Amino acid sequence: MVKNGKVGLSEEPVQQQEREAAGSGGGGGTWEVVAAADGRGRMKQRRRKKAAEREKRGASAEEDDETEELGQEDEENINEGGGGGVSERQREHPFIVTEPGEVARGKKNGLDYLFHLYEQCRDFLIQVQNIAKERGEKCPTKVTNQVFRYAKKAGASYINKPKMRHYVHCYALHCLDEDGSNALRRAFKERGENVGAWRQACYKPLVAIAARQGWDIDAIFNAHPRLAIWYVPTKLRQLCHSERSNAAAAASSSVSGGGVADHLPHF
């Protein structure tokens, strides 16, 4: 189906969930505001301490940016998961599992639209790089906070860091094995599975891909033109390391098995 010149894209923009100001009753709101502010202060203090440690060991600017992203994402999660009295954003994801080319109905968005957002991020990165070159500044090579800020200023507020980082491994599977990704989408759509279950299921085929290519998931990302601009998710890297250790242990003990997939956790 073609909508607005794009195949399978929902007409609905990504729907940010309405912010709630749920009072806890009994005057508890003031305590919760203070608690949330205290949590943010501790997070900033930890980031400053980590930054000082990175300076001592000479970390690169891009590594600093990635660490900053992780810290800020944790802070955002704290703010989202707090109690009443603080303006919150619901954490439900506005996506549903759709087959390739299917347009989501209602106020939800399909997976074609989700993957399209990653292509938009790539376009914003190129724009940021061009601006940096004109100013004689260092160009970012990955999608960082700078790119997300630029996207927001350009009016694409529906592109936000927590969401894009949350599904980046799903996009990776789409790029590395589109047929496998499509088959997974169809299977989960037929079973009526939710997007969270589909997201978890995307890890296993990626680990299998890494197993066939020497377990170097970072090299796999960097070798792909659409994935090289994204940081490898921590959980995906951990799963690859874990399965590599399992495979090495199995080989050393001469245990014949059914391959890496037998060791993978069930999501």
C-alpha atoms as a PDB file:
ATOM      1  CA  MET A   1       0.000   0.000   0.000  1.00  0.00           C
ATOM      2  CA  VAL A   2       1.345   3.427  -0.924  1.00  0.00           C
ATOM      3  CA  LYS A   3       0.700   6.374   1.363  1.00  0.00           C
ATOM      4  CA  ASN A   4       2.108   9.829   0.725  1.00  0.00           C
ATOM      5  CA  GLY A   5       4.658   8.419  -1.700  1.00  0.00           C
ATOM      6  CA  LYS A   6       6.056   5.904   0.795  1.00  0.00           C
ATOM      7  CA  VAL A   7       5.317   2.219   0.956  1.00  0.00           C
ATOM      8  CA  GLY A   8       3.824   0.906   4.165  1.00  0.00           C
ATOM      9  CA  LEU A   9       4.144   4.132   6.165  1.00  0.00           C
ATOM     10  CA  SER A  10       1.386   5.110   8.528  1.00  0.00           C
ATOM     11  CA  GLU A  11      -0.298   8.452   8.023  1.00  0.00           C
ATOM     12  CA  GLU A  12      -0.241   8.883  11.744  1.00  0.00           C
ATOM     13  CA  PRO A  13       2.908  10.518  13.152  1.00  0.00           C
ATOM     14  CA  VAL A  14       4.555   8.710  16.017  1.00  0.00           C
ATOM     15  CA  GLN A  15       2.146   9.347  18.811  1.00  0.00           C
ATOM     16  CA  GLN A  16       3.846  10.567  21.933  1.00  0.00           C
ATOM     17  CA  GLN A  17       1.779   9.389  24.847  1.00  0.00           C
ATOM     18  CA  GLU A  18       0.006  12.114  26.780  1.00  0.00           C
ATOM     19  CA  ARG A  19       1.838  13.278  29.805  1.00  0.00           C
ATOM     20  CA  GLU A  20       0.103  12.584  33.076  1.00  0.00           C
ATOM     21  CA  ALA A  21       0.079  14.626  36.212  1.00  0.00           C
ATOM     22  CA  ALA A  22      -1.352  12.025  38.525  1.00  0.00           C
ATOM     23  CA  GLY A  23      -1.633  13.296  42.064  1.00  0.00           C
ATOM     24  CA  SER A  24      -0.919  10.734  44.729  1.00  0.00           C
ATOM     25  CA  GLY A  25      -3.470  12.169  47.113  1.00  0.00           C
ATOM     26  CA  GLY A  26      -2.935  13.177  50.730  1.00  0.00           C
ATOM     27  CA  GLY A  27      -0.328  15.828  49.909  1.00  0.00           C
ATOM     28  CA  GLY A  28       2.319  13.373  48.720  1.00  0.00           C
ATOM     29  CA  GLY A  29       3.114  15.315  45.544  1.00  0.00           C
ATOM     30  CA  THR A  30       5.715  17.595  47.188  1.00  0.00           C
ATOM     31  CA  TRP A  31       7.707  14.647  48.526  1.00  0.00           C
ATOM     32  CA  GLU A  32       7.723  12.998  45.102  1.00  0.00           C
ATOM     33  CA  VAL A  33       8.916  16.185  43.373  1.00  0.00           C
ATOM     34  CA  VAL A  34      11.794  16.466  45.847  1.00  0.00           C
ATOM     35  CA  ALA A  35      12.621  12.773  45.430  1.00  0.00           C
ATOM     36  CA  ALA A  36      12.694  13.079  41.637  1.00  0.00           C
ATOM     37  CA  ALA A  37      14.924  16.164  41.818  1.00  0.00           C
ATOM     38  CA  ASP A  38      17.253  14.363  44.216  1.00  0.00           C
ATOM     39  CA  GLY A  39      17.468  11.425  41.813  1.00  0.00           C
ATOM     40  CA  ARG A  40      18.405  13.732  38.938  1.00  0.00           C
ATOM     41  CA  GLY A  41      21.078  15.385  41.093  1.00  0.00           C
ATOM     42  CA  ARG A  42      22.673  12.049  41.965  1.00  0.00           C
ATOM     43  CA  MET A  43      22.663  11.022  38.297  1.00  0.00           C
ATOM     44  CA  LYS A  44      24.407  14.260  37.251  1.00  0.00           C
ATOM     45  CA  GLN A  45      26.968  13.796  40.024  1.00  0.00           C
ATOM     46  CA  ARG A  46      27.724  10.257  38.811  1.00  0.00           C
ATOM     47  CA  ARG A  47      28.116  11.532  35.221  1.00  0.00           C
ATOM     48  CA  ARG A  48      30.574  14.215  36.348  1.00  0.00           C
ATOM     49  CA  LYS A  49      32.599  11.596  38.222  1.00  0.00           C
ATOM     50  CA  LYS A  50      32.634   9.290  35.165  1.00  0.00           C
ATOM     51  CA  ALA A  51      33.692  12.181  32.943  1.00  0.00           C
ATOM     52  CA  ALA A  52      36.660  12.875  35.236  1.00  0.00           C
ATOM     53  CA  GLU A  53      37.647   9.212  35.109  1.00  0.00           C
ATOM     54  CA  ARG A  54      37.457   9.200  31.306  1.00  0.00           C
ATOM     55  CA  GLU A  55      39.697  12.272  31.162  1.00  0.00           C
ATOM     56  CA  LYS A  56      42.350  10.426  33.142  1.00  0.00           C
ATOM     57  CA  ARG A  57      42.402   7.459  30.795  1.00  0.00           C
ATOM     58  CA  GLY A  58      42.067   9.567  27.613  1.00  0.00           C
ATOM     59  CA  ALA A  59      38.766   8.321  26.204  1.00  0.00           C
ATOM     60  CA  SER A  60      37.744   9.593  22.769  1.00  0.00           C
ATOM     61  CA  ALA A  61      35.079  12.246  22.259  1.00  0.00           C
ATOM     62  CA  GLU A  62      32.654   9.781  20.697  1.00  0.00           C
ATOM     63  CA  GLU A  63      33.033   7.380  23.629  1.00  0.00           C
ATOM     64  CA  ASP A  64      32.272  10.299  25.952  1.00  0.00           C
ATOM     65  CA  ASP A  65      29.124  11.067  23.969  1.00  0.00           C
ATOM     66  CA  GLU A  66      27.983   7.452  24.130  1.00  0.00           C
ATOM     67  CA  THR A  67      28.499   7.317  27.906  1.00  0.00           C
ATOM     68  CA  GLU A  68      26.609  10.586  28.248  1.00  0.00           C
ATOM     69  CA  GLU A  69      23.740   9.112  26.224  1.00  0.00           C
ATOM     70  CA  LEU A  70      23.528   6.074  28.469  1.00  0.00           C
ATOM     71  CA  GLY A  71      23.478   8.236  31.594  1.00  0.00           C
ATOM     72  CA  GLN A  72      20.813  10.565  30.250  1.00  0.00           C
ATOM     73  CA  GLU A  73      18.685   7.651  29.115  1.00  0.00           C
ATOM     74  CA  ASP A  74      18.831   6.247  32.665  1.00  0.00           C
ATOM     75  CA  GLU A  75      17.785   9.650  33.973  1.00  0.00           C
ATOM     76  CA  GLU A  76      14.864   9.777  31.559  1.00  0.00           C
ATOM     77  CA  ASN A  77      13.760   6.331  32.675  1.00  0.00           C
ATOM     78  CA  ILE A  78      13.841   7.476  36.308  1.00  0.00           C
ATOM     79  CA  ASN A  79      11.674  10.470  35.443  1.00  0.00           C
ATOM     80  CA  GLU A  80       9.236   8.333  33.456  1.00  0.00           C
ATOM     81  CA  GLY A  81       8.845   5.710  36.136  1.00  0.00           C
ATOM     82  CA  GLY A  82       8.295   8.030  39.101  1.00  0.00           C
ATOM     83  CA  GLY A  83       5.190   8.615  41.129  1.00  0.00           C
ATOM     84  CA  GLY A  84       2.465  11.256  40.997  1.00  0.00           C
ATOM     85  CA  GLY A  85       3.031  14.976  41.207  1.00  0.00           C
ATOM     86  CA  VAL A  86       5.658  14.933  38.412  1.00  0.00           C
ATOM     87  CA  SER A  87       4.723  15.316  34.752  1.00  0.00           C
ATOM     88  CA  GLU A  88       5.319  11.888  33.201  1.00  0.00           C
ATOM     89  CA  ARG A  89       5.333  10.244  29.804  1.00  0.00           C
ATOM     90  CA  GLN A  90       3.792   6.799  29.622  1.00  0.00           C
ATOM     91  CA  ARG A  91       6.305   4.191  28.584  1.00  0.00           C
ATOM     92  CA  GLU A  92       4.075   2.103  26.309  1.00  0.00           C
ATOM     93  CA  HIS A  93       5.465   1.911  22.803  1.00  0.00           C
ATOM     94  CA  PRO A  94       3.206   3.343  20.097  1.00  0.00           C
ATOM     95  CA  PHE A  95       3.993   0.515  17.664  1.00  0.00           C
ATOM     96  CA  ILE A  96       2.266  -2.727  16.760  1.00  0.00           C
ATOM     97  CA  VAL A  97       3.608  -5.751  14.893  1.00  0.00           C
ATOM     98  CA  THR A  98       2.769  -5.402  11.209  1.00  0.00           C
ATOM     99  CA  GLU A  99       3.702  -7.354   8.117  1.00  0.00           C
ATOM    100  CA  PRO A 100       5.916  -5.733   5.474  1.00  0.00           C
ATOM    101  CA  GLY A 101       3.890  -3.161   3.551  1.00  0.00           C
ATOM    102  CA  GLU A 102       1.023  -3.174   6.048  1.00  0.00           C
ATOM    103  CA  VAL A 103      -0.193   0.174   7.359  1.00  0.00           C
ATOM    104  CA  ALA A 104      -1.098   0.296  11.032  1.00  0.00           C
ATOM    105  CA  ARG A 105      -4.609   1.415  11.891  1.00  0.00           C
ATOM    106  CA  GLY A 106      -5.839   3.825  14.494  1.00  0.00           C
ATOM    107  CA  LYS A 107      -3.289   5.786  16.492  1.00  0.00           C
ATOM    108  CA  LYS A 108      -0.599   3.109  16.298  1.00  0.00           C
ATOM    109  CA  ASN A 109       2.291   2.854  13.880  1.00  0.00           C
ATOM    110  CA  GLY A 110       3.633  -0.173  12.040  1.00  0.00           C
ATOM    111  CA  LEU A 111       7.138  -1.553  11.799  1.00  0.00           C
ATOM    112  CA  ASP A 112       7.756  -0.146   8.313  1.00  0.00           C
ATOM    113  CA  TYR A 113       7.261   3.279   9.844  1.00  0.00           C
ATOM    114  CA  LEU A 114       9.631   2.421  12.703  1.00  0.00           C
ATOM    115  CA  PHE A 115      12.385   1.439  10.280  1.00  0.00           C
ATOM    116  CA  HIS A 116      11.712   4.599   8.270  1.00  0.00           C
ATOM    117  CA  LEU A 117      12.565   6.649  11.364  1.00  0.00           C
ATOM    118  CA  TYR A 118      16.083   5.180  11.316  1.00  0.00           C
ATOM    119  CA  GLU A 119      16.482   6.326   7.730  1.00  0.00           C
ATOM    120  CA  GLN A 120      15.362   9.793   8.811  1.00  0.00           C
ATOM    121  CA  CYS A 121      17.988   9.775  11.560  1.00  0.00           C
ATOM    122  CA  ARG A 122      20.614   9.004   8.937  1.00  0.00           C
ATOM    123  CA  ASP A 123      19.451  12.011   6.919  1.00  0.00           C
ATOM    124  CA  PHE A 124      19.660  14.246  10.005  1.00  0.00           C
ATOM    125  CA  LEU A 125      23.178  12.954  10.734  1.00  0.00           C
ATOM    126  CA  ILE A 126      24.274  13.904   7.207  1.00  0.00           C
ATOM    127  CA  GLN A 127      22.838  17.394   7.705  1.00  0.00           C
ATOM    128  CA  VAL A 128      24.666  17.769  11.021  1.00  0.00           C
ATOM    129  CA  GLN A 129      27.896  16.596   9.367  1.00  0.00           C
ATOM    130  CA  ASN A 130      27.519  19.148   6.568  1.00  0.00           C
ATOM    131  CA  ILE A 131      26.973  21.958   9.053  1.00  0.00           C
ATOM    132  CA  ALA A 132      30.024  20.870  11.056  1.00  0.00           C
ATOM    133  CA  LYS A 133      32.167  20.840   7.902  1.00  0.00           C
ATOM    134  CA  GLU A 134      31.042  24.352   6.984  1.00  0.00           C
ATOM    135  CA  ARG A 135      31.988  25.583  10.447  1.00  0.00           C
ATOM    136  CA  GLY A 136      35.277  23.703  10.496  1.00  0.00           C
ATOM    137  CA  GLU A 137      34.135  21.600  13.450  1.00  0.00           C
ATOM    138  CA  LYS A 138      34.576  17.893  14.082  1.00  0.00           C
ATOM    139  CA  CYS A 139      31.912  15.827  12.327  1.00  0.00           C
ATOM    140  CA  PRO A 140      30.027  13.190  14.328  1.00  0.00           C
ATOM    141  CA  THR A 141      30.244   9.748  12.757  1.00  0.00           C
ATOM    142  CA  LYS A 142      27.349   8.219  14.702  1.00  0.00           C
ATOM    143  CA  VAL A 143      23.864   9.261  15.747  1.00  0.00           C
ATOM    144  CA  THR A 144      24.526  11.116  18.993  1.00  0.00           C
ATOM    145  CA  ASN A 145      22.756  13.622  21.228  1.00  0.00           C
ATOM    146  CA  GLN A 146      23.724  16.355  18.776  1.00  0.00           C
ATOM    147  CA  VAL A 147      21.742  14.650  16.016  1.00  0.00           C
ATOM    148  CA  PHE A 148      18.677  14.140  18.190  1.00  0.00           C
ATOM    149  CA  ARG A 149      18.763  17.795  19.238  1.00  0.00           C
ATOM    150  CA  TYR A 150      19.015  18.845  15.607  1.00  0.00           C
ATOM    151  CA  ALA A 151      16.063  16.617  14.677  1.00  0.00           C
ATOM    152  CA  LYS A 152      13.975  18.159  17.436  1.00  0.00           C
ATOM    153  CA  LYS A 153      14.808  21.694  16.287  1.00  0.00           C
ATOM    154  CA  ALA A 154      13.889  20.657  12.738  1.00  0.00           C
ATOM    155  CA  GLY A 155      10.423  19.701  13.966  1.00  0.00           C
ATOM    156  CA  ALA A 156      10.940  15.936  14.165  1.00  0.00           C
ATOM    157  CA  SER A 157      10.188  15.717  17.878  1.00  0.00           C
ATOM    158  CA  TYR A 158       8.771  12.222  17.324  1.00  0.00           C
ATOM    159  CA  ILE A 159      12.363  11.025  16.880  1.00  0.00           C
ATOM    160  CA  ASN A 160      13.731  10.606  20.379  1.00  0.00           C
ATOM    161  CA  LYS A 161      16.783   8.830  21.720  1.00  0.00           C
ATOM    162  CA  PRO A 162      15.207   6.290  24.116  1.00  0.00           C
ATOM    163  CA  LYS A 163      12.888   4.962  21.409  1.00  0.00           C
ATOM    164  CA  MET A 164      15.556   4.798  18.700  1.00  0.00           C
ATOM    165  CA  ARG A 165      18.037   3.045  20.974  1.00  0.00           C
ATOM    166  CA  HIS A 166      15.335   0.664  22.181  1.00  0.00           C
ATOM    167  CA  TYR A 167      14.666  -0.803  18.738  1.00  0.00           C
ATOM    168  CA  VAL A 168      18.065  -0.402  17.048  1.00  0.00           C
ATOM    169  CA  HIS A 169      18.786  -4.153  17.108  1.00  0.00           C
ATOM    170  CA  CYS A 170      15.455  -4.755  15.346  1.00  0.00           C
ATOM    171  CA  TYR A 171      16.537  -2.335  12.654  1.00  0.00           C
ATOM    172  CA  ALA A 172      19.887  -4.158  12.499  1.00  0.00           C
ATOM    173  CA  LEU A 173      18.137  -7.441  11.756  1.00  0.00           C
ATOM    174  CA  HIS A 174      16.080  -5.679   9.083  1.00  0.00           C
ATOM    175  CA  CYS A 175      19.302  -4.430   7.448  1.00  0.00           C
ATOM    176  CA  LEU A 176      21.364  -7.620   7.768  1.00  0.00           C
ATOM    177  CA  ASP A 177      18.677 -10.179   6.951  1.00  0.00           C
ATOM    178  CA  GLU A 178      15.570  -8.540   5.547  1.00  0.00           C
ATOM    179  CA  ASP A 179      13.987 -11.858   4.550  1.00  0.00           C
ATOM    180  CA  GLY A 180      14.499 -13.270   8.033  1.00  0.00           C
ATOM    181  CA  SER A 181      13.184 -10.073   9.584  1.00  0.00           C
ATOM    182  CA  ASN A 182      10.076 -10.161   7.402  1.00  0.00           C
ATOM    183  CA  ALA A 183       9.430 -13.813   8.246  1.00  0.00           C
ATOM    184  CA  LEU A 184       9.689 -13.025  11.961  1.00  0.00           C
ATOM    185  CA  ARG A 185       7.230 -10.162  11.587  1.00  0.00           C
ATOM    186  CA  ARG A 186       4.705 -12.352   9.773  1.00  0.00           C
ATOM    187  CA  ALA A 187       4.987 -15.113  12.366  1.00  0.00           C
ATOM    188  CA  PHE A 188       4.442 -12.754  15.284  1.00  0.00           C
ATOM    189  CA  LYS A 189       1.573 -10.996  13.501  1.00  0.00           C
ATOM    190  CA  GLU A 190      -0.164 -14.323  12.859  1.00  0.00           C
ATOM    191  CA  ARG A 191       0.186 -15.312  16.516  1.00  0.00           C
ATOM    192  CA  GLY A 192      -1.078 -11.926  17.682  1.00  0.00           C
ATOM    193  CA  GLU A 193       2.116 -11.211  19.627  1.00  0.00           C
ATOM    194  CA  ASN A 194       2.800  -7.712  20.908  1.00  0.00           C
ATOM    195  CA  VAL A 195       5.695  -5.519  19.829  1.00  0.00           C
ATOM    196  CA  GLY A 196       7.647  -6.224  23.018  1.00  0.00           C
ATOM    197  CA  ALA A 197       7.763  -9.953  22.315  1.00  0.00           C
ATOM    198  CA  TRP A 198       8.795  -9.292  18.714  1.00  0.00           C
ATOM    199  CA  ARG A 199      11.549  -6.952  19.898  1.00  0.00           C
ATOM    200  CA  GLN A 200      12.985  -9.615  22.211  1.00  0.00           C
ATOM    201  CA  ALA A 201      12.844 -12.241  19.469  1.00  0.00           C
ATOM    202  CA  CYS A 202      15.043 -10.090  17.209  1.00  0.00           C
ATOM    203  CA  TYR A 203      18.102 -10.782  19.379  1.00  0.00           C
ATOM    204  CA  LYS A 204      18.422 -14.489  18.627  1.00  0.00           C
ATOM    205  CA  PRO A 205      18.931 -14.299  14.827  1.00  0.00           C
ATOM    206  CA  LEU A 206      21.423 -11.463  15.311  1.00  0.00           C
ATOM    207  CA  VAL A 207      23.520 -13.597  17.666  1.00  0.00           C
ATOM    208  CA  ALA A 208      23.389 -16.387  15.087  1.00  0.00           C
ATOM    209  CA  ILE A 209      24.641 -13.947  12.433  1.00  0.00           C
ATOM    210  CA  ALA A 210      27.487 -12.929  14.743  1.00  0.00           C
ATOM    211  CA  ALA A 211      28.371 -16.597  15.317  1.00  0.00           C
ATOM    212  CA  ARG A 212      28.833 -17.119  11.588  1.00  0.00           C
ATOM    213  CA  GLN A 213      31.107 -14.061  11.349  1.00  0.00           C
ATOM    214  CA  GLY A 214      33.551 -14.566  14.188  1.00  0.00           C
ATOM    215  CA  TRP A 215      31.361 -13.121  16.953  1.00  0.00           C
ATOM    216  CA  ASP A 216      32.513  -9.561  16.230  1.00  0.00           C
ATOM    217  CA  ILE A 217      29.181  -7.757  16.326  1.00  0.00           C
ATOM    218  CA  ASP A 218      30.881  -4.351  16.307  1.00  0.00           C
ATOM    219  CA  ALA A 219      32.649  -5.199  13.042  1.00  0.00           C
ATOM    220  CA  ILE A 220      29.339  -6.382  11.570  1.00  0.00           C
ATOM    221  CA  PHE A 221      27.688  -3.056  12.401  1.00  0.00           C
ATOM    222  CA  ASN A 222      30.641  -1.003  11.165  1.00  0.00           C
ATOM    223  CA  ALA A 223      30.793  -2.882   7.863  1.00  0.00           C
ATOM    224  CA  HIS A 224      27.191  -2.050   7.001  1.00  0.00           C
ATOM    225  CA  PRO A 225      26.581   1.462   5.628  1.00  0.00           C
ATOM    226  CA  ARG A 226      23.232   1.871   7.402  1.00  0.00           C
ATOM    227  CA  LEU A 227      24.341   0.349  10.715  1.00  0.00           C
ATOM    228  CA  ALA A 228      27.783   1.939  11.034  1.00  0.00           C
ATOM    229  CA  ILE A 229      26.181   5.135  12.355  1.00  0.00           C
ATOM    230  CA  TRP A 230      24.576   3.345  15.307  1.00  0.00           C
ATOM    231  CA  TYR A 231      26.136   2.130  18.543  1.00  0.00           C
ATOM    232  CA  VAL A 232      25.846  -1.609  19.177  1.00  0.00           C
ATOM    233  CA  PRO A 233      23.279  -2.182  21.954  1.00  0.00           C
ATOM    234  CA  THR A 234      24.872  -3.321  25.199  1.00  0.00           C
ATOM    235  CA  LYS A 235      22.524  -6.286  25.564  1.00  0.00           C
ATOM    236  CA  LEU A 236      23.312  -7.547  22.073  1.00  0.00           C
ATOM    237  CA  ARG A 237      27.047  -7.343  22.726  1.00  0.00           C
ATOM    238  CA  GLN A 238      26.600  -9.183  26.033  1.00  0.00           C
ATOM    239  CA  LEU A 239      24.592 -11.958  24.373  1.00  0.00           C
ATOM    240  CA  CYS A 240      27.303 -12.401  21.748  1.00  0.00           C
ATOM    241  CA  HIS A 241      30.026 -12.605  24.392  1.00  0.00           C
ATOM    242  CA  SER A 242      27.990 -15.085  26.400  1.00  0.00           C
ATOM    243  CA  GLU A 243      27.300 -17.354  23.449  1.00  0.00           C
ATOM    244  CA  ARG A 244      30.916 -17.170  22.337  1.00  0.00           C
ATOM    245  CA  SER A 245      31.974 -18.365  25.786  1.00  0.00           C
ATOM    246  CA  ASN A 246      29.398 -21.166  25.662  1.00  0.00           C
ATOM    247  CA  ALA A 247      30.625 -22.268  22.249  1.00  0.00           C
ATOM    248  CA  ALA A 248      34.252 -22.246  23.389  1.00  0.00           C
ATOM    249  CA  ALA A 249      33.413 -24.242  26.513  1.00  0.00           C
ATOM    250  CA  ALA A 250      31.463 -26.779  24.488  1.00  0.00           C
ATOM    251  CA  ALA A 251      34.330 -27.174  22.034  1.00  0.00           C
ATOM    252  CA  SER A 252      36.938 -27.598  24.763  1.00  0.00           C
ATOM    253  CA  SER A 253      34.909 -30.305  26.489  1.00  0.00           C
ATOM    254  CA  SER A 254      34.267 -32.063  23.159  1.00  0.00           C
ATOM    255  CA  VAL A 255      30.536 -31.819  23.601  1.00  0.00           C
ATOM    256  CA  SER A 256      28.734 -32.203  20.315  1.00  0.00           C
ATOM    257  CA  GLY A 257      25.601 -30.061  20.129  1.00  0.00           C
ATOM    258  CA  GLY A 258      23.119 -28.490  17.842  1.00  0.00           C
ATOM    259  CA  GLY A 259      24.962 -25.207  17.446  1.00  0.00           C
ATOM    260  CA  VAL A 260      24.687 -21.777  18.944  1.00  0.00           C
ATOM    261  CA  ALA A 261      20.904 -21.594  18.792  1.00  0.00           C
ATOM    262  CA  ASP A 262      20.570 -24.356  21.413  1.00  0.00           C
ATOM    263  CA  HIS A 263      22.338 -22.191  23.988  1.00  0.00           C
ATOM    264  CA  LEU A 264      20.401 -19.007  23.395  1.00  0.00           C
ATOM    265  CA  PRO A 265      18.012 -17.922  26.147  1.00  0.00           C
ATOM    266  CA  HIS A 266      14.308 -18.134  25.386  1.00  0.00           C
ATOM    267  CA  PHE A 267      12.774 -14.680  25.155  1.00  0.00           C
END
